[in-house]
Amino acid sequence: MYRAMDLTYRAIEPLKLDYPKQKPVVPKEVYEARKARLMERLAKEGIDAVVIYADREHYANFKYYTGVDPRFEESLLVIHSDGRTFLALGNECFALVDTSAIRATGVFCQCFSLPNQPMDAFISLEKVLRDCGIAQGMRIGLIDWKLL
């Protein structure tokens, strides 16, 4: 057992840290390859599309496929086995469609917006899903979820 009086203290030189000169960026090809692998899996399992849910705490899968972090709102990423891809986003995140690393169609979904946000273009979640290509009789995979 050591006692404080048994310790010797001395000054040391601070570490010299070198910081990156550029922000690391995952190449778009990596995202495209991830999507391609997912589409292969969908085809193998006989699944027509996968719906990936995201919110502030549950965004990792969404970001893994798109590079998009839907900061404050709920969001859906829908990837079909034929490659069609949709991002359903609310008021604050809708502009993020343009930042997606994979090509995707934006679907405006105000019901995902934060409280007290405008709801003047409100569309039901059912219609949003239809606009994302989801139809009755399809076999759908689900990644993450939350009770709405």
C-alpha atoms as a PDB file:
ATOM      1  CA  MET A   1       0.000   0.000   0.000  1.00  0.00           C
ATOM      2  CA  TYR A   2       1.386   3.382  -1.003  1.00  0.00           C
ATOM      3  CA  ARG A   3       1.036   6.475   1.081  1.00  0.00           C
ATOM      4  CA  ALA A   4       1.021  10.006  -0.364  1.00  0.00           C
ATOM      5  CA  MET A   5       4.313  10.796   1.360  1.00  0.00           C
ATOM      6  CA  ASP A   6       5.942   7.807  -0.389  1.00  0.00           C
ATOM      7  CA  LEU A   7       5.244   9.276  -3.845  1.00  0.00           C
ATOM      8  CA  THR A   8       7.629  11.498  -5.749  1.00  0.00           C
ATOM      9  CA  TYR A   9       6.205  14.175  -8.021  1.00  0.00           C
ATOM     10  CA  ARG A  10       8.058  15.776 -10.897  1.00  0.00           C
ATOM     11  CA  ALA A  11       7.223  18.001 -13.811  1.00  0.00           C
ATOM     12  CA  ILE A  12       6.991  16.369 -17.203  1.00  0.00           C
ATOM     13  CA  GLU A  13       6.971  17.884 -20.657  1.00  0.00           C
ATOM     14  CA  PRO A  14       3.471  18.087 -22.166  1.00  0.00           C
ATOM     15  CA  LEU A  15       2.705  15.810 -25.082  1.00  0.00           C
ATOM     16  CA  LYS A  16       3.027  17.357 -28.506  1.00  0.00           C
ATOM     17  CA  LEU A  17      -0.186  16.479 -30.284  1.00  0.00           C
ATOM     18  CA  ASP A  18      -0.526  16.620 -34.021  1.00  0.00           C
ATOM     19  CA  TYR A  19      -4.022  17.209 -35.317  1.00  0.00           C
ATOM     20  CA  PRO A  20      -5.386  16.054 -38.671  1.00  0.00           C
ATOM     21  CA  LYS A  21      -5.205  18.664 -41.390  1.00  0.00           C
ATOM     22  CA  GLN A  22      -8.374  17.381 -43.078  1.00  0.00           C
ATOM     23  CA  LYS A  23     -11.666  16.039 -41.803  1.00  0.00           C
ATOM     24  CA  PRO A  24     -11.836  12.280 -42.434  1.00  0.00           C
ATOM     25  CA  VAL A  25     -14.536  11.465 -44.978  1.00  0.00           C
ATOM     26  CA  VAL A  26     -16.030   8.101 -45.827  1.00  0.00           C
ATOM     27  CA  PRO A  27     -16.016   7.840 -49.640  1.00  0.00           C
ATOM     28  CA  LYS A  28     -19.401   7.621 -51.393  1.00  0.00           C
ATOM     29  CA  GLU A  29     -18.292   4.286 -52.865  1.00  0.00           C
ATOM     30  CA  VAL A  30     -18.327   2.791 -49.368  1.00  0.00           C
ATOM     31  CA  TYR A  31     -21.951   3.833 -48.887  1.00  0.00           C
ATOM     32  CA  GLU A  32     -22.892   2.495 -52.322  1.00  0.00           C
ATOM     33  CA  ALA A  33     -21.214  -0.838 -51.490  1.00  0.00           C
ATOM     34  CA  ARG A  34     -23.139  -1.022 -48.188  1.00  0.00           C
ATOM     35  CA  LYS A  35     -26.409  -0.403 -50.022  1.00  0.00           C
ATOM     36  CA  ALA A  36     -25.521  -3.019 -52.663  1.00  0.00           C
ATOM     37  CA  ARG A  37     -24.836  -5.629 -49.945  1.00  0.00           C
ATOM     38  CA  LEU A  38     -28.149  -4.789 -48.287  1.00  0.00           C
ATOM     39  CA  MET A  39     -29.992  -5.119 -51.600  1.00  0.00           C
ATOM     40  CA  GLU A  40     -28.366  -8.526 -52.158  1.00  0.00           C
ATOM     41  CA  ARG A  41     -29.553  -9.613 -48.723  1.00  0.00           C
ATOM     42  CA  LEU A  42     -33.071  -8.354 -49.420  1.00  0.00           C
ATOM     43  CA  ALA A  43     -33.169 -10.371 -52.647  1.00  0.00           C
ATOM     44  CA  LYS A  44     -31.800 -13.479 -50.902  1.00  0.00           C
ATOM     45  CA  GLU A  45     -34.432 -13.239 -48.142  1.00  0.00           C
ATOM     46  CA  GLY A  46     -37.288 -12.371 -50.515  1.00  0.00           C
ATOM     47  CA  ILE A  47     -37.829  -8.978 -48.907  1.00  0.00           C
ATOM     48  CA  ASP A  48     -39.200  -6.184 -51.114  1.00  0.00           C
ATOM     49  CA  ALA A  49     -37.896  -3.251 -49.067  1.00  0.00           C
ATOM     50  CA  VAL A  50     -36.372  -2.367 -45.738  1.00  0.00           C
ATOM     51  CA  VAL A  51     -37.481   0.536 -43.547  1.00  0.00           C
ATOM     52  CA  ILE A  52     -34.790   1.982 -41.290  1.00  0.00           C
ATOM     53  CA  TYR A  53     -36.000   4.216 -38.462  1.00  0.00           C
ATOM     54  CA  ALA A  54     -33.880   6.981 -36.964  1.00  0.00           C
ATOM     55  CA  ASP A  55     -34.089   9.619 -34.265  1.00  0.00           C
ATOM     56  CA  ARG A  56     -31.532  11.390 -32.073  1.00  0.00           C
ATOM     57  CA  GLU A  57     -30.724   8.287 -30.062  1.00  0.00           C
ATOM     58  CA  HIS A  58     -31.198   5.681 -32.804  1.00  0.00           C
ATOM     59  CA  TYR A  59     -29.513   7.061 -35.904  1.00  0.00           C
ATOM     60  CA  ALA A  60     -26.511   4.755 -36.440  1.00  0.00           C
ATOM     61  CA  ASN A  61     -28.124   2.452 -39.038  1.00  0.00           C
ATOM     62  CA  PHE A  62     -29.538   5.424 -40.941  1.00  0.00           C
ATOM     63  CA  LYS A  63     -26.144   7.141 -40.980  1.00  0.00           C
ATOM     64  CA  TYR A  64     -24.363   3.891 -41.894  1.00  0.00           C
ATOM     65  CA  TYR A  65     -26.238   3.744 -45.190  1.00  0.00           C
ATOM     66  CA  THR A  66     -26.556   7.457 -46.025  1.00  0.00           C
ATOM     67  CA  GLY A  67     -23.966   9.449 -44.089  1.00  0.00           C
ATOM     68  CA  VAL A  68     -26.896  11.567 -42.862  1.00  0.00           C
ATOM     69  CA  ASP A  69     -27.436  12.205 -39.163  1.00  0.00           C
ATOM     70  CA  PRO A  70     -31.076  13.290 -38.723  1.00  0.00           C
ATOM     71  CA  ARG A  71     -30.259  15.401 -35.676  1.00  0.00           C
ATOM     72  CA  PHE A  72     -33.506  16.335 -33.993  1.00  0.00           C
ATOM     73  CA  GLU A  73     -36.337  14.525 -35.668  1.00  0.00           C
ATOM     74  CA  GLU A  74     -37.608  11.071 -36.421  1.00  0.00           C
ATOM     75  CA  SER A  75     -36.761   9.919 -39.931  1.00  0.00           C
ATOM     76  CA  LEU A  76     -37.182   6.911 -42.181  1.00  0.00           C
ATOM     77  CA  LEU A  77     -34.849   5.489 -44.779  1.00  0.00           C
ATOM     78  CA  VAL A  78     -36.553   3.121 -47.212  1.00  0.00           C
ATOM     79  CA  ILE A  79     -34.389   0.994 -49.496  1.00  0.00           C
ATOM     80  CA  HIS A  80     -36.134  -1.258 -52.022  1.00  0.00           C
ATOM     81  CA  SER A  81     -34.645  -4.457 -53.385  1.00  0.00           C
ATOM     82  CA  ASP A  82     -34.566  -2.809 -56.837  1.00  0.00           C
ATOM     83  CA  GLY A  83     -32.451   0.082 -55.488  1.00  0.00           C
ATOM     84  CA  ARG A  84     -35.088   2.787 -55.148  1.00  0.00           C
ATOM     85  CA  THR A  85     -34.250   4.774 -52.038  1.00  0.00           C
ATOM     86  CA  PHE A  86     -36.291   7.302 -50.068  1.00  0.00           C
ATOM     87  CA  LEU A  87     -35.570   9.548 -47.088  1.00  0.00           C
ATOM     88  CA  ALA A  88     -38.672  10.625 -45.158  1.00  0.00           C
ATOM     89  CA  LEU A  89     -37.671  13.714 -43.187  1.00  0.00           C
ATOM     90  CA  GLY A  90     -39.375  16.507 -41.241  1.00  0.00           C
ATOM     91  CA  ASN A  91     -39.087  20.283 -41.369  1.00  0.00           C
ATOM     92  CA  GLU A  92     -35.619  20.700 -39.890  1.00  0.00           C
ATOM     93  CA  CYS A  93     -33.967  17.756 -41.640  1.00  0.00           C
ATOM     94  CA  PHE A  94     -35.524  17.802 -45.101  1.00  0.00           C
ATOM     95  CA  ALA A  95     -32.614  19.737 -46.624  1.00  0.00           C
ATOM     96  CA  LEU A  96     -30.330  16.843 -45.604  1.00  0.00           C
ATOM     97  CA  VAL A  97     -31.622  14.843 -48.589  1.00  0.00           C
ATOM     98  CA  ASP A  98     -29.048  16.711 -50.677  1.00  0.00           C
ATOM     99  CA  THR A  99     -26.225  15.601 -48.377  1.00  0.00           C
ATOM    100  CA  SER A 100     -26.965  11.870 -48.596  1.00  0.00           C
ATOM    101  CA  ALA A 101     -23.994   9.808 -49.765  1.00  0.00           C
ATOM    102  CA  ILE A 102     -26.383   7.587 -51.718  1.00  0.00           C
ATOM    103  CA  ARG A 103     -28.907   8.818 -54.252  1.00  0.00           C
ATOM    104  CA  ALA A 104     -32.298   9.143 -52.568  1.00  0.00           C
ATOM    105  CA  THR A 105     -35.659  10.779 -53.131  1.00  0.00           C
ATOM    106  CA  GLY A 106     -36.804  13.050 -50.331  1.00  0.00           C
ATOM    107  CA  VAL A 107     -40.298  12.643 -48.929  1.00  0.00           C
ATOM    108  CA  PHE A 108     -41.469  15.517 -46.752  1.00  0.00           C
ATOM    109  CA  CYS A 109     -43.020  14.235 -43.522  1.00  0.00           C
ATOM    110  CA  GLN A 110     -44.023  17.023 -41.164  1.00  0.00           C
ATOM    111  CA  CYS A 111     -45.334  14.545 -38.591  1.00  0.00           C
ATOM    112  CA  PHE A 112     -41.647  13.791 -37.867  1.00  0.00           C
ATOM    113  CA  SER A 113     -41.028  17.455 -36.985  1.00  0.00           C
ATOM    114  CA  LEU A 114     -40.489  18.690 -33.461  1.00  0.00           C
ATOM    115  CA  PRO A 115     -43.405  20.059 -31.427  1.00  0.00           C
ATOM    116  CA  ASN A 116     -44.489  23.586 -32.349  1.00  0.00           C
ATOM    117  CA  GLN A 117     -43.045  23.254 -35.852  1.00  0.00           C
ATOM    118  CA  PRO A 118     -45.258  24.221 -38.788  1.00  0.00           C
ATOM    119  CA  MET A 119     -47.726  21.531 -39.860  1.00  0.00           C
ATOM    120  CA  ASP A 120     -49.185  23.377 -42.851  1.00  0.00           C
ATOM    121  CA  ALA A 121     -48.175  20.647 -45.322  1.00  0.00           C
ATOM    122  CA  PHE A 122     -49.123  17.744 -43.053  1.00  0.00           C
ATOM    123  CA  ILE A 123     -49.368  14.346 -44.754  1.00  0.00           C
ATOM    124  CA  SER A 124     -50.318  11.214 -42.861  1.00  0.00           C
ATOM    125  CA  LEU A 125     -47.625   8.657 -42.141  1.00  0.00           C
ATOM    126  CA  GLU A 126     -49.626   6.174 -44.224  1.00  0.00           C
ATOM    127  CA  LYS A 127     -49.334   8.435 -47.297  1.00  0.00           C
ATOM    128  CA  VAL A 128     -45.657   9.083 -46.567  1.00  0.00           C
ATOM    129  CA  LEU A 129     -45.029   5.333 -46.624  1.00  0.00           C
ATOM    130  CA  ARG A 130     -46.938   5.032 -49.923  1.00  0.00           C
ATOM    131  CA  ASP A 131     -44.832   7.919 -51.298  1.00  0.00           C
ATOM    132  CA  CYS A 132     -41.775   5.882 -50.271  1.00  0.00           C
ATOM    133  CA  GLY A 133     -43.009   3.001 -52.431  1.00  0.00           C
ATOM    134  CA  ILE A 134     -44.482   0.866 -49.657  1.00  0.00           C
ATOM    135  CA  ALA A 135     -47.624  -0.958 -50.800  1.00  0.00           C
ATOM    136  CA  GLN A 136     -49.983  -3.526 -49.350  1.00  0.00           C
ATOM    137  CA  GLY A 137     -48.767  -7.078 -49.834  1.00  0.00           C
ATOM    138  CA  MET A 138     -45.067  -6.211 -49.846  1.00  0.00           C
ATOM    139  CA  ARG A 139     -42.666  -8.062 -47.586  1.00  0.00           C
ATOM    140  CA  ILE A 140     -40.934  -5.379 -45.498  1.00  0.00           C
ATOM    141  CA  GLY A 141     -37.865  -5.596 -43.284  1.00  0.00           C
ATOM    142  CA  LEU A 142     -37.588  -3.250 -40.306  1.00  0.00           C
ATOM    143  CA  ILE A 143     -34.427  -1.926 -38.702  1.00  0.00           C
ATOM    144  CA  ASP A 144     -35.005  -0.047 -35.458  1.00  0.00           C
ATOM    145  CA  TRP A 145     -38.389   1.257 -34.421  1.00  0.00           C
ATOM    146  CA  LYS A 146     -40.224   3.453 -31.982  1.00  0.00           C
ATOM    147  CA  LEU A 147     -43.852   3.665 -30.925  1.00  0.00           C
ATOM    148  CA  LEU A 148     -45.390   6.754 -32.498  1.00  0.00           C
END
